[in-house]
Each structure stands twice: as C-alpha cells, then as structure tokens.
C-alpha atoms as a PDB file:
ATOM      1  CA  MET A   1     -42.147  54.291  14.926  1.00  0.00           C
ATOM      2  CA  LYS A   2     -39.308  53.829  12.478  1.00  0.00           C
ATOM      3  CA  LYS A   3     -36.527  53.788  15.044  1.00  0.00           C
ATOM      4  CA  SER A   4     -38.616  51.431  16.883  1.00  0.00           C
ATOM      5  CA  LEU A   5     -38.461  49.071  14.212  1.00  0.00           C
ATOM      6  CA  LEU A   6     -34.958  49.410  13.677  1.00  0.00           C
ATOM      7  CA  TYR A   7     -34.082  48.172  17.412  1.00  0.00           C
ATOM      8  CA  LEU A   8     -36.396  45.330  17.186  1.00  0.00           C
ATOM      9  CA  THR A   9     -35.021  44.283  13.693  1.00  0.00           C
ATOM     10  CA  PRO A  10     -31.880  42.588  15.038  1.00  0.00           C
ATOM     11  CA  VAL A  11     -33.940  41.092  18.019  1.00  0.00           C
ATOM     12  CA  ILE A  12     -36.101  39.502  15.290  1.00  0.00           C
ATOM     13  CA  LEU A  13     -33.456  38.303  13.508  1.00  0.00           C
ATOM     14  CA  ILE A  14     -31.867  36.294  15.973  1.00  0.00           C
ATOM     15  CA  ILE A  15     -35.155  34.795  17.120  1.00  0.00           C
ATOM     16  CA  LEU A  16     -36.115  33.761  13.668  1.00  0.00           C
ATOM     17  CA  ALA A  17     -32.130  32.266  13.605  1.00  0.00           C
ATOM     18  CA  THR A  18     -32.925  30.508  16.863  1.00  0.00           C
ATOM     19  CA  THR A  19     -36.371  29.323  16.135  1.00  0.00           C
ATOM     20  CA  PHE A  20     -35.304  28.180  12.664  1.00  0.00           C
ATOM     21  CA  PRO A  21     -31.720  27.427  12.154  1.00  0.00           C
ATOM     22  CA  GLY A  22     -30.349  26.180   8.796  1.00  0.00           C
ATOM     23  CA  LYS A  23     -29.191  22.761   8.440  1.00  0.00           C
ATOM     24  CA  LYS A  24     -25.606  21.919   8.774  1.00  0.00           C
ATOM     25  CA  MET A  25     -24.223  20.327   6.034  1.00  0.00           C
ATOM     26  CA  MET A  26     -22.133  17.234   6.442  1.00  0.00           C
ATOM     27  CA  THR A  27     -18.629  17.151   5.646  1.00  0.00           C
ATOM     28  CA  SER A  28     -17.459  14.265   3.470  1.00  0.00           C
ATOM     29  CA  GLY A  29     -15.466  12.550   6.238  1.00  0.00           C
ATOM     30  CA  GLU A  30     -18.677  12.630   8.124  1.00  0.00           C
ATOM     31  CA  ILE A  31     -20.758  11.085   4.894  1.00  0.00           C
ATOM     32  CA  PHE A  32     -17.937   8.253   4.926  1.00  0.00           C
ATOM     33  CA  ASP A  33     -18.368   7.145   8.390  1.00  0.00           C
ATOM     34  CA  GLN A  34     -22.047   6.786   7.858  1.00  0.00           C
ATOM     35  CA  VAL A  35     -21.118   4.656   4.519  1.00  0.00           C
ATOM     36  CA  ILE A  36     -18.957   2.658   6.867  1.00  0.00           C
ATOM     37  CA  GLN A  37     -21.284   2.428   9.536  1.00  0.00           C
ATOM     38  CA  TYR A  38     -24.378   1.100   6.865  1.00  0.00           C
ATOM     39  CA  TYR A  39     -21.989  -1.466   5.582  1.00  0.00           C
ATOM     40  CA  ASP A  40     -20.756  -2.676   8.978  1.00  0.00           C
ATOM     41  CA  PRO A  41     -22.925  -1.960  11.707  1.00  0.00           C
ATOM     42  CA  ASN A  42     -20.960  -3.972  14.144  1.00  0.00           C
ATOM     43  CA  GLY A  43     -17.454  -3.009  13.254  1.00  0.00           C
ATOM     44  CA  ILE A  44     -16.517  -6.422  11.992  1.00  0.00           C
ATOM     45  CA  TRP A  45     -14.415  -5.753   9.071  1.00  0.00           C
ATOM     46  CA  ASP A  46     -10.824  -6.420  10.676  1.00  0.00           C
ATOM     47  CA  GLU A  47     -12.154  -9.477  11.585  1.00  0.00           C
ATOM     48  CA  PHE A  48     -14.056 -10.659   9.144  1.00  0.00           C
ATOM     49  CA  SER A  49     -13.752 -14.098   6.939  1.00  0.00           C
ATOM     50  CA  GLY A  50     -16.356 -15.304   4.612  1.00  0.00           C
ATOM     51  CA  SER A  51     -16.994 -16.743   1.152  1.00  0.00           C
ATOM     52  CA  MET A  52     -19.010 -16.225  -1.566  1.00  0.00           C
ATOM     53  CA  ARG A  53     -19.552 -17.192  -5.682  1.00  0.00           C
ATOM     54  CA  MET A  54     -19.486 -14.787  -8.028  1.00  0.00           C
ATOM     55  CA  HIS A  55     -20.708 -15.146 -11.596  1.00  0.00           C
ATOM     56  CA  THR A  56     -19.035 -12.713 -13.945  1.00  0.00           C
ATOM     57  CA  ILE A  57     -21.114 -12.382 -17.281  1.00  0.00           C
ATOM     58  CA  PHE A  58     -19.304 -10.861 -20.502  1.00  0.00           C
ATOM     59  CA  ASP A  59     -20.896 -10.259 -23.553  1.00  0.00           C
ATOM     60  CA  ASP A  60     -19.467 -13.820 -25.249  1.00  0.00           C
ATOM     61  CA  ASN A  61     -19.242 -16.161 -21.560  1.00  0.00           C
ATOM     62  CA  ILE A  62     -19.888 -16.685 -17.562  1.00  0.00           C
ATOM     63  CA  SER A  63     -17.155 -16.946 -15.630  1.00  0.00           C
ATOM     64  CA  ILE A  64     -17.614 -18.412 -12.160  1.00  0.00           C
ATOM     65  CA  GLU A  65     -15.367 -18.083  -8.914  1.00  0.00           C
ATOM     66  CA  ASP A  66     -15.331 -19.292  -5.611  1.00  0.00           C
ATOM     67  CA  ILE A  67     -13.761 -16.286  -3.366  1.00  0.00           C
ATOM     68  CA  THR A  68     -12.878 -16.603   0.671  1.00  0.00           C
ATOM     69  CA  ILE A  69     -11.077 -13.707   2.316  1.00  0.00           C
ATOM     70  CA  ASP A  70      -9.907 -13.940   6.233  1.00  0.00           C
ATOM     71  CA  ASN A  71      -8.753 -10.583   7.042  1.00  0.00           C
ATOM     72  CA  LYS A  72      -7.810 -11.147  10.479  1.00  0.00           C
ATOM     73  CA  ALA A  73      -5.318 -13.846   9.244  1.00  0.00           C
ATOM     74  CA  GLY A  74      -4.490 -12.085   6.114  1.00  0.00           C
ATOM     75  CA  TYR A  75      -6.019 -15.125   3.745  1.00  0.00           C
ATOM     76  CA  TYR A  76      -7.571 -15.163   0.201  1.00  0.00           C
ATOM     77  CA  HIS A  77      -8.133 -17.530  -2.470  1.00  0.00           C
ATOM     78  CA  SER A  78     -10.383 -17.687  -5.252  1.00  0.00           C
ATOM     79  CA  THR A  79     -11.247 -21.050  -7.320  1.00  0.00           C
ATOM     80  CA  ARG A  80     -12.658 -20.208 -10.730  1.00  0.00           C
ATOM     81  CA  HIS A  81     -14.399 -22.886 -12.711  1.00  0.00           C
ATOM     82  CA  TYR A  82     -12.998 -23.310 -16.287  1.00  0.00           C
ATOM     83  CA  GLN A  83     -13.994 -26.124 -18.680  1.00  0.00           C
ATOM     84  CA  ASP A  84     -14.782 -28.797 -16.279  1.00  0.00           C
ATOM     85  CA  SER A  85     -11.207 -27.934 -14.068  1.00  0.00           C
ATOM     86  CA  THR A  86     -10.661 -25.369 -11.301  1.00  0.00           C
ATOM     87  CA  PHE A  87      -7.907 -23.332 -11.033  1.00  0.00           C
ATOM     88  CA  THR A  88      -6.906 -21.625  -7.725  1.00  0.00           C
ATOM     89  CA  ILE A  89      -4.734 -18.352  -6.844  1.00  0.00           C
ATOM     90  CA  GLY A  90      -4.380 -17.387  -3.286  1.00  0.00           C
ATOM     91  CA  ARG A  91      -2.250 -15.513  -0.347  1.00  0.00           C
ATOM     92  CA  GLU A  92      -1.416 -16.913   2.917  1.00  0.00           C
ATOM     93  CA  ASN A  93       1.233 -15.584   5.162  1.00  0.00           C
ATOM     94  CA  GLY A  94       2.229 -13.202   2.273  1.00  0.00           C
ATOM     95  CA  LYS A  95       2.674 -15.570  -0.249  1.00  0.00           C
ATOM     96  CA  SER A  96       1.374 -16.784  -3.313  1.00  0.00           C
ATOM     97  CA  PHE A  97       0.053 -20.200  -4.027  1.00  0.00           C
ATOM     98  CA  PHE A  98      -1.416 -22.060  -6.821  1.00  0.00           C
ATOM     99  CA  LYS A  99      -3.547 -25.045  -7.181  1.00  0.00           C
ATOM    100  CA  VAL A 100      -5.081 -27.346 -10.228  1.00  0.00           C
ATOM    101  CA  ASN A 101      -7.953 -29.116  -9.599  1.00  0.00           C
ATOM    102  CA  GLY A 102      -7.015 -29.224  -5.695  1.00  0.00           C
ATOM    103  CA  SER A 103      -3.927 -30.227  -6.292  1.00  0.00           C
ATOM    104  CA  PRO A 104      -0.825 -27.730  -5.465  1.00  0.00           C
ATOM    105  CA  ILE A 105       1.487 -26.368  -8.159  1.00  0.00           C
ATOM    106  CA  ALA A 106       4.639 -24.431  -7.814  1.00  0.00           C
ATOM    107  CA  ALA A 107       4.985 -21.331  -9.108  1.00  0.00           C
ATOM    108  CA  LYS A 108       8.226 -22.493 -11.385  1.00  0.00           C
ATOM    109  CA  ALA A 109       6.140 -25.569 -12.927  1.00  0.00           C
ATOM    110  CA  ILE A 110       3.137 -23.228 -14.138  1.00  0.00           C
ATOM    111  CA  SER A 111       3.312 -23.236 -17.628  1.00  0.00           C
ATOM    112  CA  PRO A 112       3.283 -20.246 -19.569  1.00  0.00           C
ATOM    113  CA  ARG A 113      -0.282 -21.056 -20.814  1.00  0.00           C
ATOM    114  CA  LEU A 114      -1.820 -21.330 -17.610  1.00  0.00           C
ATOM    115  CA  GLN A 115      -0.152 -17.811 -16.530  1.00  0.00           C
ATOM    116  CA  LYS A 116      -2.635 -16.428 -18.868  1.00  0.00           C
ATOM    117  CA  TRP A 117      -6.162 -15.173 -18.910  1.00  0.00           C
ATOM    118  CA  PRO A 118      -8.569 -17.040 -17.967  1.00  0.00           C
ATOM    119  CA  TYR A 119      -6.677 -19.173 -15.695  1.00  0.00           C
ATOM    120  CA  ARG A 120      -3.958 -16.305 -14.126  1.00  0.00           C
ATOM    121  CA  LEU A 121      -1.824 -18.825 -12.193  1.00  0.00           C
ATOM    122  CA  LYS A 122       1.170 -16.189 -11.375  1.00  0.00           C
ATOM    123  CA  GLU A 123       2.198 -14.136  -8.609  1.00  0.00           C
ATOM    124  CA  SER A 124       1.387 -10.696 -10.025  1.00  0.00           C
ATOM    125  CA  ALA A 125      -2.572 -12.142 -10.504  1.00  0.00           C
ATOM    126  CA  ALA A 126      -2.566 -13.489  -6.946  1.00  0.00           C
ATOM    127  CA  VAL A 127      -1.767 -10.247  -5.498  1.00  0.00           C
ATOM    128  CA  GLU A 128      -3.879  -8.321  -7.851  1.00  0.00           C
ATOM    129  CA  MET A 129      -7.031 -10.675  -6.982  1.00  0.00           C
ATOM    130  CA  SER A 130      -6.466 -10.521  -3.838  1.00  0.00           C
ATOM    131  CA  GLU A 131      -6.990  -7.115  -3.392  1.00  0.00           C
ATOM    132  CA  HIS A 132      -9.705  -6.429  -6.274  1.00  0.00           C
ATOM    133  CA  HIS A 133     -11.842  -9.590  -4.783  1.00  0.00           C
ATOM    134  CA  THR A 134     -11.545  -8.121  -1.340  1.00  0.00           C
ATOM    135  CA  VAL A 135     -12.977  -4.581  -2.673  1.00  0.00           C
ATOM    136  CA  HIS A 136     -15.698  -6.634  -3.884  1.00  0.00           C
ATOM    137  CA  PHE A 137     -16.792  -7.809  -0.516  1.00  0.00           C
ATOM    138  CA  SER A 138     -16.680  -4.000   0.168  1.00  0.00           C
ATOM    139  CA  LEU A 139     -15.224  -1.438  -1.111  1.00  0.00           C
ATOM    140  CA  PRO A 140     -15.763   1.249   1.355  1.00  0.00           C
ATOM    141  CA  LEU A 141     -14.197  -0.721   4.002  1.00  0.00           C
ATOM    142  CA  ALA A 142     -11.363  -1.701   2.131  1.00  0.00           C
ATOM    143  CA  TYR A 143     -10.327   1.866   1.230  1.00  0.00           C
ATOM    144  CA  LYS A 144     -10.934   3.047   5.201  1.00  0.00           C
ATOM    145  CA  SER A 145      -8.989  -0.160   6.388  1.00  0.00           C
ATOM    146  CA  ALA A 146      -6.207   0.996   4.381  1.00  0.00           C
ATOM    147  CA  GLY A 147      -6.401   4.707   5.309  1.00  0.00           C
ATOM    148  CA  ALA A 148      -8.209   6.393   2.702  1.00  0.00           C
ATOM    149  CA  LYS A 149      -9.555   9.544   3.226  1.00  0.00           C
ATOM    150  CA  PRO A 150     -12.495  11.487   1.165  1.00  0.00           C
ATOM    151  CA  LEU A 151     -11.114  14.915  -0.360  1.00  0.00           C
ATOM    152  CA  PRO A 152     -12.981  17.793   1.455  1.00  0.00           C
ATOM    153  CA  LYS A 153     -15.698  18.777  -1.367  1.00  0.00           C
ATOM    154  CA  VAL A 154     -18.860  17.259  -1.491  1.00  0.00           C
ATOM    155  CA  GLY A 155     -20.443  17.101  -4.333  1.00  0.00           C
ATOM    156  CA  SER A 156     -23.874  16.083  -5.945  1.00  0.00           C
ATOM    157  CA  ALA A 157     -25.257  14.517  -8.778  1.00  0.00           C
ATOM    158  CA  ARG A 158     -28.121  12.854 -10.619  1.00  0.00           C
ATOM    159  CA  LEU A 159     -28.163   9.206 -11.749  1.00  0.00           C
ATOM    160  CA  TYR A 160     -30.793   7.657 -13.511  1.00  0.00           C
ATOM    161  CA  ASP A 161     -33.508  10.119 -12.066  1.00  0.00           C
ATOM    162  CA  LYS A 162     -32.037   9.803  -8.354  1.00  0.00           C
ATOM    163  CA  ASN A 163     -30.013  12.796  -6.676  1.00  0.00           C
ATOM    164  CA  TYR A 164     -26.812  11.579  -4.672  1.00  0.00           C
ATOM    165  CA  SER A 165     -24.157  13.088  -2.765  1.00  0.00           C
ATOM    166  CA  ILE A 166     -20.731  12.441  -3.848  1.00  0.00           C
ATOM    167  CA  ILE A 167     -17.514  12.182  -2.045  1.00  0.00           C
ATOM    168  CA  THR A 168     -14.190  11.186  -3.894  1.00  0.00           C
ATOM    169  CA  LEU A 169     -11.208   9.085  -2.680  1.00  0.00           C
ATOM    170  CA  PRO A 170      -7.935   9.806  -4.221  1.00  0.00           C
ATOM    171  CA  SER A 171      -6.434   6.508  -4.284  1.00  0.00           C
ATOM    172  CA  LEU A 172      -6.239   3.151  -2.452  1.00  0.00           C
ATOM    173  CA  PRO A 173      -3.468   3.772  -0.254  1.00  0.00           C
ATOM    174  CA  ASP A 174      -0.888   1.274  -0.890  1.00  0.00           C
ATOM    175  CA  ALA A 175      -2.501  -0.291  -3.680  1.00  0.00           C
ATOM    176  CA  LYS A 176      -0.731  -3.202  -5.509  1.00  0.00           C
ATOM    177  CA  GLY A 177      -2.818  -3.616  -8.729  1.00  0.00           C
ATOM    178  CA  TRP A 178      -3.285  -1.293 -11.702  1.00  0.00           C
ATOM    179  CA  MET A 179      -7.261  -1.102 -11.193  1.00  0.00           C
ATOM    180  CA  TYR A 180      -6.715   1.153  -7.900  1.00  0.00           C
ATOM    181  CA  LYS A 181      -3.038   2.144  -7.975  1.00  0.00           C
ATOM    182  CA  ASP A 182      -3.294   6.252  -8.111  1.00  0.00           C
ATOM    183  CA  VAL A 183      -6.817   6.093  -8.876  1.00  0.00           C
ATOM    184  CA  GLU A 184      -9.644   8.462  -8.166  1.00  0.00           C
ATOM    185  CA  ILE A 185     -12.935   7.023  -7.648  1.00  0.00           C
ATOM    186  CA  GLU A 186     -16.129   8.829  -6.730  1.00  0.00           C
ATOM    187  CA  LEU A 187     -18.991   7.398  -4.480  1.00  0.00           C
ATOM    188  CA  TYR A 188     -22.361   7.948  -5.281  1.00  0.00           C
ATOM    189  CA  VAL A 189     -24.311   8.042  -1.721  1.00  0.00           C
ATOM    190  CA  ASP A 190     -27.736   7.436  -1.087  1.00  0.00           C
ATOM    191  CA  THR A 191     -28.423   9.915   2.095  1.00  0.00           C
ATOM    192  CA  LYS A 192     -31.675   9.140   2.390  1.00  0.00           C
ATOM    193  CA  ASN A 193     -31.359   5.005   2.479  1.00  0.00           C
ATOM    194  CA  GLY A 194     -29.000   4.691   5.042  1.00  0.00           C
ATOM    195  CA  TYR A 195     -25.970   6.336   3.647  1.00  0.00           C
ATOM    196  CA  ARG A 196     -25.658   3.494   1.101  1.00  0.00           C
ATOM    197  CA  VAL A 197     -23.538   3.613  -2.080  1.00  0.00           C
ATOM    198  CA  ASP A 198     -25.439   3.063  -5.246  1.00  0.00           C
ATOM    199  CA  ALA A 199     -22.584   3.315  -7.714  1.00  0.00           C
ATOM    200  CA  VAL A 200     -18.860   3.994  -8.540  1.00  0.00           C
ATOM    201  CA  SER A 201     -16.993   5.843 -10.482  1.00  0.00           C
ATOM    202  CA  ILE A 202     -13.457   4.599 -11.120  1.00  0.00           C
ATOM    203  CA  ASN A 203     -11.317   6.691 -12.792  1.00  0.00           C
ATOM    204  CA  ASN A 204      -8.679   4.263 -14.266  1.00  0.00           C
ATOM    205  CA  SER A 205      -7.986   3.018 -17.584  1.00  0.00           C
ATOM    206  CA  TRP A 206     -10.230   0.422 -17.992  1.00  0.00           C
ATOM    207  CA  GLY A 207     -13.008  -0.122 -20.196  1.00  0.00           C
ATOM    208  CA  LYS A 208     -13.822   1.628 -23.761  1.00  0.00           C
ATOM    209  CA  ASP A 209     -11.220   4.163 -25.015  1.00  0.00           C
ATOM    210  CA  LYS A 210      -9.588   3.709 -21.599  1.00  0.00           C
ATOM    211  CA  LYS A 211     -11.897   5.807 -19.560  1.00  0.00           C
ATOM    212  CA  GLY A 212     -12.593   4.066 -16.948  1.00  0.00           C
ATOM    213  CA  GLY A 213     -16.420   2.778 -15.754  1.00  0.00           C
ATOM    214  CA  ILE A 214     -19.032   3.498 -13.404  1.00  0.00           C
ATOM    215  CA  ALA A 215     -20.359   0.229 -11.532  1.00  0.00           C
ATOM    216  CA  LEU A 216     -23.850  -0.047 -10.280  1.00  0.00           C
ATOM    217  CA  PHE A 217     -24.586  -1.667  -7.090  1.00  0.00           C
ATOM    218  CA  LYS A 218     -28.039  -3.751  -6.928  1.00  0.00           C
ATOM    219  CA  GLY A 219     -29.409  -5.475  -4.369  1.00  0.00           C
ATOM    220  CA  GLU A 220     -27.348  -6.805  -1.267  1.00  0.00           C
ATOM    221  CA  LEU A 221     -26.164  -9.898   0.179  1.00  0.00           C
ATOM    222  CA  GLU A 222     -25.748 -10.465   4.382  1.00  0.00           C
ATOM    223  CA  ILE A 223     -22.389 -12.282   4.790  1.00  0.00           C
ATOM    224  CA  ASN A 224     -21.172 -13.099   8.174  1.00  0.00           C
ATOM    225  CA  GLY A 225     -22.898  -9.825   9.542  1.00  0.00           C
ATOM    226  CA  LEU A 226     -21.400  -7.694   6.339  1.00  0.00           C
ATOM    227  CA  LYS A 227     -23.822  -6.125   4.025  1.00  0.00           C
ATOM    228  CA  ILE A 228     -22.371  -6.915   0.603  1.00  0.00           C
ATOM    229  CA  PRO A 229     -23.449  -5.534  -3.042  1.00  0.00           C
ATOM    230  CA  ALA A 230     -25.144  -8.402  -4.649  1.00  0.00           C
ATOM    231  CA  ARG A 231     -24.817  -7.090  -8.275  1.00  0.00           C
ATOM    232  CA  LYS A 232     -22.576  -4.852 -10.037  1.00  0.00           C
ATOM    233  CA  VAL A 233     -23.454  -3.943 -13.661  1.00  0.00           C
ATOM    234  CA  TYR A 234     -20.498  -1.865 -15.063  1.00  0.00           C
ATOM    235  CA  LEU A 235     -20.598   0.959 -17.690  1.00  0.00           C
ATOM    236  CA  ASN A 236     -18.120   2.662 -20.054  1.00  0.00           C
ATOM    237  CA  ARG A 237     -17.404   6.022 -18.387  1.00  0.00           C
ATOM    238  CA  ALA A 238     -17.028   7.250 -22.018  1.00  0.00           C
ATOM    239  CA  ASP A 239     -20.792   6.619 -23.327  1.00  0.00           C
ATOM    240  CA  MET A 240     -22.520   5.025 -20.297  1.00  0.00           C
ATOM    241  CA  SER A 241     -22.766   1.784 -22.660  1.00  0.00           C
ATOM    242  CA  TYR A 242     -22.675  -1.759 -20.789  1.00  0.00           C
ATOM    243  CA  ALA A 243     -19.685  -3.762 -20.297  1.00  0.00           C
ATOM    244  CA  MET A 244     -20.274  -6.651 -18.188  1.00  0.00           C
ATOM    245  CA  MET A 245     -21.872  -7.512 -14.658  1.00  0.00           C
ATOM    246  CA  ASP A 246     -20.954  -9.536 -11.483  1.00  0.00           C
ATOM    247  CA  ALA A 247     -23.424 -11.629  -9.745  1.00  0.00           C
ATOM    248  CA  PHE A 248     -22.908 -12.884  -6.164  1.00  0.00           C
ATOM    249  CA  GLU A 249     -24.355 -15.358  -3.840  1.00  0.00           C
ATOM    250  CA  SER A 250     -23.193 -16.462  -0.652  1.00  0.00           C
ATOM    251  CA  LEU A 251     -21.599 -19.586   0.185  1.00  0.00           C
END
C-alpha cells in the first residue's frame, strides 16, 4: 500500500498543479504597459494637443495658469494670471518665446524683475516648465514617450489603508529641468482599478529638508481622449506634511 502511494504522489501533484496553477506575477514592464493603456487607451499621446487651467494653492496665495501642449507640433505655452496682468512663456520649433499681457517681448528686453518668480520670463524657465507641464498632463506617458523603462523589481506598499504595487522609474531620459534630471520616482499603481496611478513619490531635492515629495492623485479629467489627474496634493516626504495642491480644469 505504501509503495502504491509513493507512485501515485507525483501523479497527484501534477494534477493539482494543472488544476490549480499558481498566479503568474506581472513584471514591472507589464504593469507599466497597463498604466499607459489606462491613461491613453487609444494611443494618441504622440498626436495629442490640449489645454487646461491649473490652480496652484500655496499656504499664502493661489496661482492660476492656462497651459497648452501640442505633442505633434512640439508646441507649449503657459499663461499665468497675476495681479491683473498675464505673463506667457512658451516653446515653439525648439525656441522659447515670451509675452506680457498678450504682447510679445524679446528675451533681451525682459527686466531682471520679470525673470524671477512668479513671472519666470526667461529661457531656463520656459524649458523647465515645458517639461514639467507636459508631465502634468500625464507623467506615465511623458516618461514612456521619452524612452523610460521601469526597474525590474516590483514592490508593494500600503498608503492610507490601501495596498499598491510599486514600480520605479530611474529617471526621465534627457530631462532638462532639475525636478526630473537623474531623479528616481515611484508609481503607486492600483492594479484592481484599471492600473490607475494614485500617487507618485519623487526623490528629488524639493520640499521640506530637501527630501522630495509625494503627489497624491485625486479625481480625473478627460481631455481630448486622455485621462488626466484632476488634482495633485503634494506632501513632504520628510514627514508627510502638506506642502501644496494643484487643481486642474479643462478649457
């Protein structure tokens, strides 16, 4: 009897393995591809053009900007509404342009005051904001189109009583601005809700103690076929304290 059981055991194991196969773990690349599919189901990012208004809420004031990008044409502009005036920075055909109250102004004619925050009428700001505001429309798609690939390891974390799969992008390829250049980011992916990204941990020198921040994505807009986060609440990575918030609306 014991001998018969010895012969039957491998057969039983094979049957069990066939009937109840183990669930194959997804790779980081597969998860990233699902994230891209969630935000851009029709694959339109390379041809995408759209506009939205951004309300940035700081501790002491609110900034309002109208942002437009056209990926096919390589065009970008942002018009900031400030103290009854508007200040525009933009990029077209690889060159920056600037406007004050809708009128073009040459870079060499811009006063030092208007080159500083909150006006930002200077070349470096136009280049950096073009990159940053494109990321506002879609961080995953901006990284994907630039050739970013996630690191192999898939992690996990619990954030505000919810479990997430974590994939890490080591850098934004050819990043122009300090916010993304040689900066590692982590995507908190909700694999049970269409592979939506609910948070991004950005390990740069921004924020309290220069330890970077965590952006919590809340709600969604649909702009010309893309799903776009409606709000981003930024926390300091140092102590998870509130830093600021961006709220978006379609134009």
